[in-house]
């Protein structure tokens, strides 16, 4: 296990992410999950709104487990495939699209990303809740956003964990 660094994630966001997002097409099929490419980009933007505290986030991890669970953020372990986000529709459906096409969704994502950076620069001590990891600061959110974005880009075959310096979580021991 290696540590995930802000320098690594910043280089990805500044030098690589846009070209990967621009490879998305409406007919690109995911290797797992139900989201379309368009839904996925909107989902990434939606999480940024959560990072800025624009919607209420209930932390599902018991408080006594948060310190251990939060360690995951700074490791090079990736988010598992088919992770069931507790804030997604309970019926397994997809939320209605908010933008007319993938290109508009990508532009909306970048607008939110810029807003997120400005928001955190103006509020350097701000912490907002993540549903699994609890209260996160700006640096923790950037590490988590990197893992989240890479998770979905691998879902659509645009990159691999190895290319981005991540590795799959080891299998859990049998109970």
Protein backbone atom coordinates (compact mmCIF):
# COMPACT_ATOMS: atom_id res chain seq x y z
CA UNK A 1 0.00 0.00 0.00
CA UNK A 2 1.29 3.43 -0.94
CA UNK A 3 0.14 6.86 0.11
CA UNK A 4 -1.93 8.89 -2.33
CA UNK A 5 -0.56 12.42 -2.61
CA UNK A 6 -2.15 15.75 -3.42
CA UNK A 7 0.56 16.34 -6.02
CA UNK A 8 -0.50 13.18 -7.85
CA UNK A 9 -4.19 14.07 -7.77
CA UNK A 10 -3.56 17.70 -8.77
CA UNK A 11 -1.52 16.59 -11.79
CA UNK A 12 -4.40 14.30 -12.81
CA UNK A 13 -7.06 17.00 -12.47
CA UNK A 14 -4.98 19.65 -14.23
CA UNK A 15 -3.37 17.60 -17.00
CA UNK A 16 -5.44 14.52 -17.73
CA UNK A 17 -9.05 14.58 -16.61
CA UNK A 18 -10.51 16.86 -19.27
CA UNK A 19 -9.12 14.79 -22.16
CA UNK A 20 -10.53 11.61 -20.57
CA UNK A 21 -13.98 13.15 -20.02
CA UNK A 22 -14.05 14.38 -23.63
CA UNK A 23 -13.75 10.74 -24.81
CA UNK A 24 -17.20 9.96 -23.40
CA UNK A 25 -19.95 9.33 -25.92
CA UNK A 26 -23.69 8.78 -25.37
CA UNK A 27 -23.46 5.15 -26.49
CA UNK A 28 -20.44 4.20 -24.36
CA UNK A 29 -21.49 1.32 -22.10
CA UNK A 30 -20.24 0.84 -18.53
CA UNK A 31 -18.37 -2.30 -17.51
CA UNK A 32 -20.59 -2.40 -14.39
CA UNK A 33 -23.43 -0.41 -12.89
CA UNK A 34 -26.50 1.26 -14.36
CA UNK A 35 -25.38 4.81 -15.07
CA UNK A 36 -25.04 6.11 -18.57
CA UNK A 37 -21.96 8.18 -19.38
CA UNK A 38 -24.13 11.30 -19.17
CA UNK A 39 -25.49 10.29 -15.75
CA UNK A 40 -21.96 9.56 -14.55
CA UNK A 41 -20.69 13.06 -15.34
CA UNK A 42 -23.71 14.62 -13.65
CA UNK A 43 -23.13 12.33 -10.66
CA UNK A 44 -19.54 13.60 -10.37
CA UNK A 45 -20.81 17.19 -10.36
CA UNK A 46 -23.51 16.32 -7.80
CA UNK A 47 -20.87 15.03 -5.39
CA UNK A 48 -18.97 18.31 -5.73
CA UNK A 49 -22.12 20.11 -4.57
CA UNK A 50 -22.13 17.82 -1.54
CA UNK A 51 -18.48 18.66 -0.86
CA UNK A 52 -19.49 22.34 -0.75
CA UNK A 53 -22.29 21.59 1.70
CA UNK A 54 -25.07 22.37 -0.79
CA UNK A 55 -27.13 19.41 0.32
CA UNK A 56 -27.50 17.60 3.61
CA UNK A 57 -25.27 14.56 4.01
CA UNK A 58 -25.97 11.94 6.63
CA UNK A 59 -22.84 10.04 7.61
CA UNK A 60 -23.61 6.31 7.69
CA UNK A 61 -20.36 5.18 9.31
CA UNK A 62 -20.56 4.83 13.10
CA UNK A 63 -18.53 7.61 14.72
CA UNK A 64 -16.20 5.20 16.52
CA UNK A 65 -15.21 3.64 13.17
CA UNK A 66 -14.58 6.92 11.31
CA UNK A 67 -10.85 7.28 12.13
CA UNK A 68 -10.07 3.82 10.74
CA UNK A 69 -12.39 4.12 7.73
CA UNK A 70 -11.05 7.58 6.91
CA UNK A 71 -7.51 6.18 6.51
CA UNK A 72 -8.67 4.76 3.17
CA UNK A 73 -8.69 8.25 1.64
CA UNK A 74 -4.92 8.64 1.72
CA UNK A 75 -4.10 5.14 0.48
CA UNK A 76 -3.68 4.13 -3.14
CA UNK A 77 -6.59 1.69 -2.85
CA UNK A 78 -9.45 2.32 -5.27
CA UNK A 79 -13.18 2.44 -4.63
CA UNK A 80 -14.68 -0.99 -5.25
CA UNK A 81 -16.81 -1.71 -8.30
CA UNK A 82 -20.57 -1.65 -7.67
CA UNK A 83 -20.23 0.37 -4.47
CA UNK A 84 -23.84 1.14 -3.52
CA UNK A 85 -23.87 4.84 -2.64
CA UNK A 86 -26.50 5.31 0.07
CA UNK A 87 -27.74 8.59 -1.44
CA UNK A 88 -28.60 7.11 -4.81
CA UNK A 89 -32.27 6.29 -5.48
CA UNK A 90 -33.40 3.35 -3.36
CA UNK A 91 -35.29 1.81 -6.28
CA UNK A 92 -32.05 1.45 -8.23
CA UNK A 93 -33.25 3.94 -10.81
CA UNK A 94 -31.33 6.89 -12.13
CA UNK A 95 -32.07 10.51 -11.29
CA UNK A 96 -33.42 12.70 -14.10
CA UNK A 97 -30.72 14.30 -16.23
CA UNK A 98 -30.10 17.99 -15.54
CA UNK A 99 -28.14 18.85 -18.70
CA UNK A 100 -29.08 18.30 -22.36
CA UNK A 101 -26.01 16.27 -23.37
CA UNK A 102 -22.65 14.94 -22.22
CA UNK A 103 -20.79 18.02 -23.44
CA UNK A 104 -23.01 20.28 -21.34
CA UNK A 105 -22.61 17.91 -18.37
CA UNK A 106 -18.81 18.12 -18.69
CA UNK A 107 -18.94 21.92 -18.79
CA UNK A 108 -21.21 21.90 -15.71
CA UNK A 109 -18.76 19.57 -13.96
CA UNK A 110 -15.85 21.96 -14.61
CA UNK A 111 -17.92 24.94 -13.45
CA UNK A 112 -18.65 23.13 -10.21
CA UNK A 113 -15.00 22.08 -9.86
CA UNK A 114 -13.90 25.73 -10.23
CA UNK A 115 -16.58 26.77 -7.75
CA UNK A 116 -15.38 24.06 -5.32
CA UNK A 117 -11.78 25.30 -5.51
CA UNK A 118 -12.87 28.92 -4.97
CA UNK A 119 -15.22 27.93 -2.15
CA UNK A 120 -12.50 26.04 -0.31
CA UNK A 121 -9.90 28.78 -0.94
CA UNK A 122 -12.30 31.29 0.64
CA UNK A 123 -13.07 28.90 3.51
CA UNK A 124 -9.77 27.08 4.25
CA UNK A 125 -11.00 25.64 7.56
CA UNK A 126 -14.32 24.46 6.11
CA UNK A 127 -15.23 20.81 6.64
CA UNK A 128 -18.20 19.12 5.04
CA UNK A 129 -19.59 15.63 5.41
CA UNK A 130 -19.00 12.68 3.14
CA UNK A 131 -21.57 9.92 3.51
CA UNK A 132 -18.94 7.27 4.37
CA UNK A 133 -15.89 9.19 5.61
CA UNK A 134 -17.56 11.89 7.70
CA UNK A 135 -16.17 15.39 8.04
CA UNK A 136 -13.56 16.16 5.34
CA UNK A 137 -11.39 19.19 4.70
CA UNK A 138 -10.34 20.47 1.27
CA UNK A 139 -7.29 18.22 0.91
CA UNK A 140 -9.26 15.13 1.96
CA UNK A 141 -12.03 16.01 -0.50
CA UNK A 142 -9.50 16.35 -3.34
CA UNK A 143 -8.06 12.92 -2.58
CA UNK A 144 -11.55 11.44 -2.37
CA UNK A 145 -12.68 13.19 -5.56
CA UNK A 146 -9.68 11.71 -7.37
CA UNK A 147 -10.63 8.20 -6.29
CA UNK A 148 -14.26 8.82 -7.17
CA UNK A 149 -13.51 10.20 -10.63
CA UNK A 150 -11.04 7.39 -11.43
CA UNK A 151 -13.61 4.85 -10.22
CA UNK A 152 -16.11 6.09 -12.78
CA UNK A 153 -13.60 6.56 -15.59
CA UNK A 154 -12.55 2.93 -15.20
CA UNK A 155 -16.24 2.02 -15.18
CA UNK A 156 -16.39 3.37 -18.74
CA UNK A 157 -13.02 1.98 -19.84
CA UNK A 158 -11.32 5.37 -20.20
CA UNK A 159 -8.41 4.54 -17.90
CA UNK A 160 -7.24 1.81 -15.56
CA UNK A 161 -6.47 1.80 -11.86
CA UNK A 162 -2.83 1.03 -12.65
CA UNK A 163 -2.53 3.97 -15.07
CA UNK A 164 -3.71 6.29 -12.30
CA UNK A 165 -1.54 4.80 -9.54
CA UNK A 166 -4.33 2.98 -7.73
CA UNK A 167 -4.89 -0.67 -6.92
CA UNK A 168 -7.94 -2.75 -6.14
CA UNK A 169 -8.74 -3.43 -2.52
CA UNK A 170 -7.61 -6.87 -1.41
CA UNK A 171 -10.45 -9.37 -0.93
CA UNK A 172 -11.99 -9.37 2.52
CA UNK A 173 -11.30 -12.47 4.58
CA UNK A 174 -14.21 -14.86 4.92
CA UNK A 175 -16.24 -14.28 8.06
